[in-house]
Amino acid sequence: MLHNQKVDFHSHFLSPTYCDYLKKYEGDKPDSFPIPDWSIESHISQMNQLGIAFSFLSVSSPNLSKADKETETQLVHKINLEGAEYVKLYPDRLGLFAGLPLPHTEEALAEAAFCLDELKCDGFGLSTNYAGVYLGDTRFDPLMAFLNDRAAVVAVHPTKPAGMPQGVNDDVPIPTMEFFMDTTRTFMYMVMNNTFGRFPRIKWIFPHAGAFLAILSDRVNGFAVLMKQERPDLPLDFKGDMNHVYFDVAGFPLQKQLHALLKDVKIDNLVYGSDTPYTPNIACVALSGGLEAVSLLNAEEKAKLFTGNAVRMIPRLGGILNVSVNGNSVCYANKPLTAKEKRSRRSRTLVAKLYGKVFSK
């Protein structure tokens, strides 16, 4: 039976201003991918088809950082206003994850305050990098502090990596592989800079079932002993940080990714995502139906994935969906370190110290 209470954390809108930007700065195939057709009417129609009760709109890749600072700031503001107008048409079906004019931190701070206080947006949709400046960079710390103070929801979306080798896989569309690499690179960078620990109230959502994170988690935690020789002040707890963020399941997670991800995190960390309109409708239908039928999750776990975790993260959804859920967000502010995480961090620090003494001679 179709689950008609899904909350979609990974859906995109293409407003007139954003389409104009793409045509001027990116051409017909931004990120080597055609610009899809989109309208608010088609979006609502697809929500009904997929059993989506509520959808958060955000801008996909590319972001607007190819424009100069003043132009980008103006365009991002206008696109946010356009997104807010769509929400006004369907306030019980849509929410807005606003964009910010990064890498310009001061301008982003002003826009973030406007979006939360005036547009009443539900959170922010941020790219993995902006003109080569990645999330986790200390230049963004003032913005992160603001978002932390407001306990903001931040949905991360991959974009073209800042540097790509030339003449290698030029015929492979960038979203096919490079989006996963940039998502993984960004999470690692944020771990290395303790972004999650320093800003514990931000509710982070990482896309596409975490890209390669579950494949690398054991390897990274193993290498953390070596890395702590250079960064003894940092916890460097890759798996621990994974357990304090959310992952949407947009894309193709059912074949392998979901199994791997659930070895590192619990169902409480997962939310639904369609990736419409960039994912063809037939693939969205297949994923939706596959998640409803998958034997890996029981009925209670599917309810958390589709609805319950969303209400924990954004409580106002409870009134819209008539769902009451106990518990808090999985972010560090609401979910204390487990005893296992504390032991893991202490043991890694001890081993790193012993390692340094033995091999520094």
Protein backbone atom coordinates (compact mmCIF):
# COMPACT_ATOMS: atom_id res chain seq x y z
CA MET A 1 0.00 0.00 0.00
CA LEU A 2 1.31 3.43 -0.92
CA HIS A 3 2.75 5.29 2.04
CA ASN A 4 1.16 8.72 1.61
CA GLN A 5 2.87 10.51 4.48
CA LYS A 6 6.40 10.80 3.06
CA VAL A 7 8.40 13.94 3.79
CA ASP A 8 10.80 14.75 0.95
CA PHE A 9 14.06 16.42 2.00
CA HIS A 10 15.70 16.30 -1.43
CA SER A 11 13.57 18.01 -4.06
CA HIS A 12 14.48 20.96 -6.25
CA PHE A 13 12.84 23.95 -7.83
CA LEU A 14 13.91 25.88 -10.90
CA SER A 15 12.58 29.41 -10.62
CA PRO A 16 12.79 31.92 -13.50
CA THR A 17 15.79 33.71 -11.95
CA TYR A 18 17.71 30.47 -11.40
CA CYS A 19 17.03 29.33 -14.98
CA ASP A 20 18.25 32.69 -16.29
CA TYR A 21 21.45 32.31 -14.24
CA LEU A 22 22.04 28.82 -15.60
CA LYS A 23 21.63 29.91 -19.19
CA LYS A 24 23.94 32.91 -18.77
CA TYR A 25 26.73 31.32 -16.70
CA GLU A 26 26.45 27.57 -17.23
CA GLY A 27 25.01 26.93 -20.70
CA ASP A 28 22.53 24.24 -21.72
CA LYS A 29 24.14 21.48 -19.66
CA PRO A 30 25.24 22.66 -16.22
CA ASP A 31 27.42 20.00 -14.60
CA SER A 32 27.21 18.23 -18.00
CA PHE A 33 23.55 17.49 -17.29
CA PRO A 34 20.49 18.91 -19.10
CA ILE A 35 18.33 21.45 -17.31
CA PRO A 36 15.09 19.60 -16.46
CA ASP A 37 11.62 20.98 -17.01
CA TRP A 38 9.92 22.07 -13.80
CA SER A 39 6.77 23.83 -12.68
CA ILE A 40 5.08 24.07 -9.32
CA GLU A 41 2.05 22.27 -10.75
CA SER A 42 4.13 19.33 -11.98
CA HIS A 43 5.92 19.22 -8.65
CA ILE A 44 2.68 18.89 -6.67
CA SER A 45 1.40 16.31 -9.16
CA GLN A 46 4.50 14.19 -8.69
CA MET A 47 4.25 14.50 -4.91
CA ASN A 48 0.76 13.04 -5.12
CA GLN A 49 1.99 10.22 -7.34
CA LEU A 50 4.83 9.31 -4.97
CA GLY A 51 2.83 9.58 -1.76
CA ILE A 52 4.73 12.67 -0.59
CA ALA A 53 2.77 14.69 1.93
CA PHE A 54 5.37 17.44 2.35
CA SER A 55 8.35 18.54 0.27
CA PHE A 56 11.22 20.90 1.01
CA LEU A 57 12.27 22.91 -2.04
CA SER A 58 15.91 23.78 -2.63
CA VAL A 59 18.16 24.78 -5.53
CA SER A 60 20.31 21.98 -6.89
CA SER A 61 23.76 22.25 -8.46
CA PRO A 62 25.38 24.38 -9.69
CA ASN A 63 25.26 27.16 -7.14
CA LEU A 64 25.55 30.81 -8.18
CA SER A 65 29.18 31.41 -7.26
CA LYS A 66 30.31 32.04 -10.84
CA ALA A 67 28.73 35.48 -10.63
CA ASP A 68 30.52 38.38 -8.94
CA LYS A 69 29.69 39.00 -5.29
CA GLU A 70 27.10 41.72 -5.82
CA THR A 71 25.33 39.86 -8.61
CA GLU A 72 25.31 36.56 -6.74
CA THR A 73 23.94 38.20 -3.61
CA GLN A 74 21.11 39.81 -5.56
CA LEU A 75 20.25 36.66 -7.50
CA VAL A 76 20.26 34.36 -4.48
CA HIS A 77 17.96 36.78 -2.65
CA LYS A 78 15.58 36.90 -5.61
CA ILE A 79 15.53 33.11 -5.96
CA ASN A 80 14.72 32.76 -2.26
CA LEU A 81 11.82 35.18 -2.71
CA GLU A 82 10.58 33.10 -5.65
CA GLY A 83 10.87 29.92 -3.60
CA ALA A 84 8.89 31.53 -0.79
CA GLU A 85 6.12 32.40 -3.27
CA TYR A 86 5.80 28.74 -4.24
CA VAL A 87 5.51 27.84 -0.57
CA LYS A 88 2.74 30.42 -0.11
CA LEU A 89 0.72 28.65 -2.80
CA TYR A 90 0.86 25.33 -0.92
CA PRO A 91 1.79 26.08 2.70
CA ASP A 92 0.66 22.66 3.94
CA ARG A 93 2.62 20.82 1.25
CA LEU A 94 5.84 22.79 0.78
CA GLY A 95 8.71 24.27 2.76
CA LEU A 96 11.82 26.17 1.67
CA PHE A 97 15.47 25.37 2.17
CA ALA A 98 16.92 28.72 1.18
CA GLY A 99 20.20 29.32 -0.63
CA LEU A 100 23.00 31.60 0.55
CA PRO A 101 25.47 33.74 -1.47
CA LEU A 102 28.61 31.91 -0.40
CA PRO A 103 31.61 32.05 -0.31
CA HIS A 104 30.82 35.61 0.82
CA THR A 105 30.26 35.09 4.53
CA GLU A 106 28.98 38.55 5.52
CA GLU A 107 26.43 38.58 2.72
CA ALA A 108 25.43 35.01 3.58
CA LEU A 109 24.87 35.98 7.21
CA ALA A 110 22.54 38.80 6.21
CA GLU A 111 20.59 36.57 3.83
CA ALA A 112 20.35 33.78 6.41
CA ALA A 113 18.83 36.13 8.97
CA PHE A 114 16.36 37.46 6.40
CA CYS A 115 15.32 33.97 5.33
CA LEU A 116 14.70 32.76 8.88
CA ASP A 117 13.10 35.92 10.25
CA GLU A 118 11.17 37.24 7.24
CA LEU A 119 10.62 34.31 4.88
CA LYS A 120 10.24 31.81 7.73
CA CYS A 121 12.21 29.23 5.79
CA ASP A 122 12.65 25.79 7.33
CA GLY A 123 16.38 25.60 6.73
CA PHE A 124 19.08 26.02 4.13
CA GLY A 125 20.26 24.13 1.09
CA LEU A 126 24.05 24.51 0.82
CA SER A 127 26.54 23.18 -1.72
CA THR A 128 29.58 21.10 -0.85
CA ASN A 129 31.79 23.90 -2.14
CA TYR A 130 31.51 27.45 -3.41
CA ALA A 131 34.19 28.50 -5.90
CA GLY A 132 36.52 26.01 -4.23
CA VAL A 133 35.77 27.00 -0.62
CA TYR A 134 34.33 23.94 1.11
CA LEU A 135 31.88 23.60 3.95
CA GLY A 136 34.01 23.16 7.05
CA ASP A 137 36.38 25.96 6.05
CA THR A 138 37.01 28.27 9.01
CA ARG A 139 36.14 31.24 6.80
CA PHE A 140 32.54 30.10 7.19
CA ASP A 141 32.73 29.93 10.99
CA PRO A 142 30.72 33.14 11.60
CA LEU A 143 27.91 31.72 9.48
CA MET A 144 28.15 28.35 11.22
CA ALA A 145 27.94 30.09 14.59
CA PHE A 146 24.77 31.87 13.50
CA LEU A 147 23.21 28.67 12.17
CA ASN A 148 24.18 26.91 15.39
CA ASP A 149 22.55 29.62 17.51
CA ARG A 150 19.35 29.16 15.50
CA ALA A 151 19.55 25.34 15.55
CA ALA A 152 19.17 25.48 11.78
CA VAL A 153 18.54 22.58 9.42
CA VAL A 154 21.16 22.44 6.65
CA ALA A 155 20.74 20.10 3.70
CA VAL A 156 24.02 19.59 1.85
CA HIS A 157 24.01 19.05 -1.91
CA PRO A 158 27.01 18.04 -4.01
CA THR A 159 28.34 20.14 -6.82
CA LYS A 160 31.26 19.93 -9.22
CA PRO A 161 34.52 19.44 -7.31
CA ALA A 162 36.78 22.44 -7.08
CA GLY A 163 39.53 20.69 -9.02
CA MET A 164 39.12 17.90 -11.56
CA PRO A 165 41.81 16.20 -13.65
CA GLN A 166 41.59 17.23 -17.25
CA GLY A 167 41.15 14.68 -19.99
CA VAL A 168 39.94 11.94 -17.63
CA ASN A 169 36.36 10.65 -17.87
CA ASP A 170 35.31 13.74 -19.77
CA ASP A 171 32.36 11.85 -21.26
CA VAL A 172 31.00 10.77 -17.87
CA PRO A 173 28.30 13.16 -16.54
CA ILE A 174 29.60 14.91 -13.42
CA PRO A 175 26.71 13.77 -11.16
CA THR A 176 27.48 10.12 -11.95
CA MET A 177 30.67 9.94 -9.90
CA GLU A 178 32.01 13.37 -8.98
CA PHE A 179 28.99 14.30 -6.86
CA PHE A 180 29.67 11.32 -4.61
CA MET A 181 33.33 12.23 -4.38
CA ASP A 182 32.59 15.83 -3.41
CA THR A 183 30.04 14.78 -0.79
CA THR A 184 32.59 12.40 0.74
CA ARG A 185 35.38 14.98 0.53
CA THR A 186 33.22 17.59 2.25
CA PHE A 187 32.20 15.32 5.13
CA MET A 188 35.84 14.35 5.68
CA TYR A 189 36.89 18.01 5.69
CA MET A 190 34.20 18.83 8.23
CA VAL A 191 35.35 15.93 10.43
CA MET A 192 38.96 17.15 10.21
CA ASN A 193 37.89 20.65 11.26
CA ASN A 194 35.49 19.34 13.96
CA THR A 195 32.64 21.28 12.38
CA PHE A 196 30.01 18.95 13.81
CA GLY A 197 31.42 19.12 17.34
CA ARG A 198 32.02 22.87 17.33
CA PHE A 199 28.51 23.64 16.07
CA PRO A 200 26.47 20.90 17.74
CA ARG A 201 22.98 22.35 17.27
CA ILE A 202 23.02 22.42 13.46
CA LYS A 203 20.91 19.62 12.01
CA TRP A 204 22.88 18.41 9.00
CA ILE A 205 21.43 16.32 6.17
CA PHE A 206 23.84 14.64 3.75
CA PRO A 207 22.57 13.41 0.39
CA HIS A 208 22.45 10.17 -1.56
CA ALA A 209 22.75 7.80 1.41
CA GLY A 210 26.07 9.39 2.32
CA ALA A 211 27.85 8.75 -0.99
CA PHE A 212 31.04 6.77 -0.15
CA LEU A 213 31.02 7.44 3.61
CA ALA A 214 29.94 3.98 4.74
CA ILE A 215 32.59 2.39 2.50
CA LEU A 216 35.35 4.57 3.97
CA SER A 217 34.29 4.76 7.62
CA ASP A 218 36.35 1.84 8.95
CA ARG A 219 39.39 2.87 6.94
CA VAL A 220 39.23 6.49 8.11
CA ASN A 221 38.77 5.56 11.76
CA GLY A 222 41.76 3.25 11.40
CA PHE A 223 43.92 6.02 9.96
CA ALA A 224 42.72 8.40 12.68
CA VAL A 225 45.52 7.12 14.93
CA LEU A 226 48.06 8.45 12.44
CA MET A 227 46.15 11.66 11.78
CA LYS A 228 45.96 12.46 15.47
CA GLN A 229 49.75 12.74 15.48
CA GLU A 230 49.29 15.95 13.53
CA ARG A 231 45.94 16.99 15.06
CA PRO A 232 45.94 15.77 18.68
CA ASP A 233 43.32 18.35 19.65
CA LEU A 234 40.60 16.87 17.42
CA PRO A 235 38.35 13.88 18.18
CA LEU A 236 38.60 12.63 14.57
CA ASP A 237 35.61 10.36 15.08
CA PHE A 238 34.34 9.70 11.56
CA LYS A 239 31.74 7.12 12.56
CA GLY A 240 30.74 9.18 15.57
CA ASP A 241 30.05 12.20 13.37
CA MET A 242 28.06 10.00 10.98
CA ASN A 243 25.80 9.09 13.89
CA HIS A 244 25.03 12.75 14.62
CA VAL A 245 23.84 13.80 11.17
CA TYR A 246 21.02 12.75 8.84
CA PHE A 247 21.26 11.07 5.45
CA ASP A 248 18.62 11.27 2.75
CA VAL A 249 18.16 8.14 0.64
CA ALA A 250 17.79 9.82 -2.76
CA GLY A 251 19.42 8.11 -5.71
CA PHE A 252 20.02 4.37 -5.97
CA PRO A 253 20.57 3.18 -2.38
CA LEU A 254 18.61 -0.07 -2.34
CA GLN A 255 21.07 -2.25 -4.20
CA LYS A 256 24.06 -1.79 -1.87
CA GLN A 257 24.30 1.59 -0.15
CA LEU A 258 21.47 1.29 2.33
CA HIS A 259 22.81 -2.02 3.64
CA ALA A 260 26.27 -0.52 4.16
CA LEU A 261 24.99 2.72 5.70
CA LEU A 262 22.88 0.87 8.26
CA LYS A 263 26.02 -0.83 9.55
CA ASP A 264 27.25 2.58 10.72
CA VAL A 265 24.05 4.47 11.62
CA LYS A 266 20.56 3.69 12.86
CA ILE A 267 17.27 4.16 11.11
CA ASP A 268 16.84 7.35 13.21
CA ASN A 269 19.46 8.98 10.97
CA LEU A 270 17.65 8.39 7.67
CA VAL A 271 15.13 10.56 5.82
CA TYR A 272 13.41 10.23 2.47
CA GLY A 273 14.46 12.11 -0.66
CA SER A 274 13.20 11.91 -4.24
CA ASP A 275 15.74 14.15 -6.05
CA THR A 276 13.00 15.35 -8.36
CA PRO A 277 13.09 16.77 -11.06
CA TYR A 278 16.69 15.77 -11.78
CA THR A 279 15.87 12.09 -11.31
CA PRO A 280 13.48 10.85 -14.03
CA ASN A 281 9.97 10.21 -12.83
CA ILE A 282 10.14 6.47 -13.48
CA ALA A 283 13.23 6.22 -11.24
CA CYS A 284 11.50 8.24 -8.49
CA VAL A 285 8.54 5.86 -8.65
CA ALA A 286 10.86 2.86 -8.54
CA LEU A 287 12.73 4.17 -5.48
CA SER A 288 9.54 5.10 -3.67
CA GLY A 289 8.01 1.70 -4.29
CA GLY A 290 11.25 -0.07 -3.52
CA LEU A 291 11.59 1.63 -0.15
CA GLU A 292 8.01 0.78 0.72
CA ALA A 293 8.59 -2.89 -0.11
CA VAL A 294 12.20 -3.44 0.97
CA SER A 295 12.59 -6.29 3.47
CA LEU A 296 15.64 -4.69 5.09
CA LEU A 297 13.32 -2.36 7.06
CA ASN A 298 10.27 -3.27 9.08
CA ALA A 299 7.06 -1.23 9.17
CA GLU A 300 8.12 0.84 12.19
CA GLU A 301 11.48 1.65 10.57
CA LYS A 302 9.80 2.68 7.33
CA ALA A 303 7.51 5.01 9.27
CA LYS A 304 10.59 6.64 10.80
CA LEU A 305 12.28 6.96 7.40
CA PHE A 306 9.27 8.44 5.66
CA THR A 307 7.79 10.60 8.43
CA GLY A 308 8.90 10.15 12.03
CA ASN A 309 12.49 11.36 11.73
CA ALA A 310 11.28 14.39 9.79
CA VAL A 311 8.95 15.41 12.63
CA ARG A 312 11.77 14.98 15.16
CA MET A 313 13.98 17.26 13.09
CA ILE A 314 11.31 19.84 12.21
CA PRO A 315 8.57 19.65 14.86
CA ARG A 316 6.10 21.90 13.01
CA LEU A 317 5.51 19.03 10.60
CA GLY A 318 3.73 17.16 13.39
CA GLY A 319 0.77 19.51 13.23
CA ILE A 320 0.60 19.38 9.43
CA LEU A 321 0.83 15.59 9.24
CA ASN A 322 -1.07 14.93 12.48
CA VAL A 323 1.87 12.87 13.74
CA SER A 324 3.18 12.89 17.30
CA VAL A 325 6.73 11.66 17.79
CA ASN A 326 8.77 11.51 20.98
CA GLY A 327 12.49 12.16 20.96
CA ASN A 328 14.95 14.72 19.66
CA SER A 329 17.11 15.31 16.64
CA VAL A 330 20.21 13.17 16.18
CA CYS A 331 22.49 16.23 16.21
CA TYR A 332 25.18 16.49 18.89
CA ALA A 333 23.14 18.96 20.94
CA ASN A 334 20.28 16.46 21.37
CA LYS A 335 22.08 13.14 21.26
CA PRO A 336 24.98 12.83 23.73
CA LEU A 337 28.05 10.80 22.94
CA THR A 338 27.49 7.13 23.60
CA ALA A 339 29.80 5.24 25.94
CA LYS A 340 31.18 3.43 22.91
CA GLU A 341 31.99 6.72 21.17
CA LYS A 342 33.71 8.06 24.29
CA ARG A 343 35.80 4.88 24.63
CA SER A 344 36.69 4.98 20.94
CA ARG A 345 37.92 8.56 21.17
CA ARG A 346 39.91 7.94 24.36
CA SER A 347 41.53 4.76 23.04
CA ARG A 348 42.49 6.41 19.76
CA THR A 349 44.11 9.29 21.62
CA LEU A 350 46.06 6.87 23.82
CA VAL A 351 47.20 4.73 20.89
CA ALA A 352 48.23 7.84 18.96
CA LYS A 353 50.39 8.99 21.88
CA LEU A 354 52.05 5.60 22.22
CA TYR A 355 52.53 5.38 18.47
CA GLY A 356 54.20 8.78 18.46
CA LYS A 357 56.60 7.85 21.25
CA VAL A 358 57.59 4.54 19.64
CA PHE A 359 58.08 5.75 16.10
CA SER A 360 59.43 9.25 16.68
CA LYS A 361 62.80 7.94 17.78
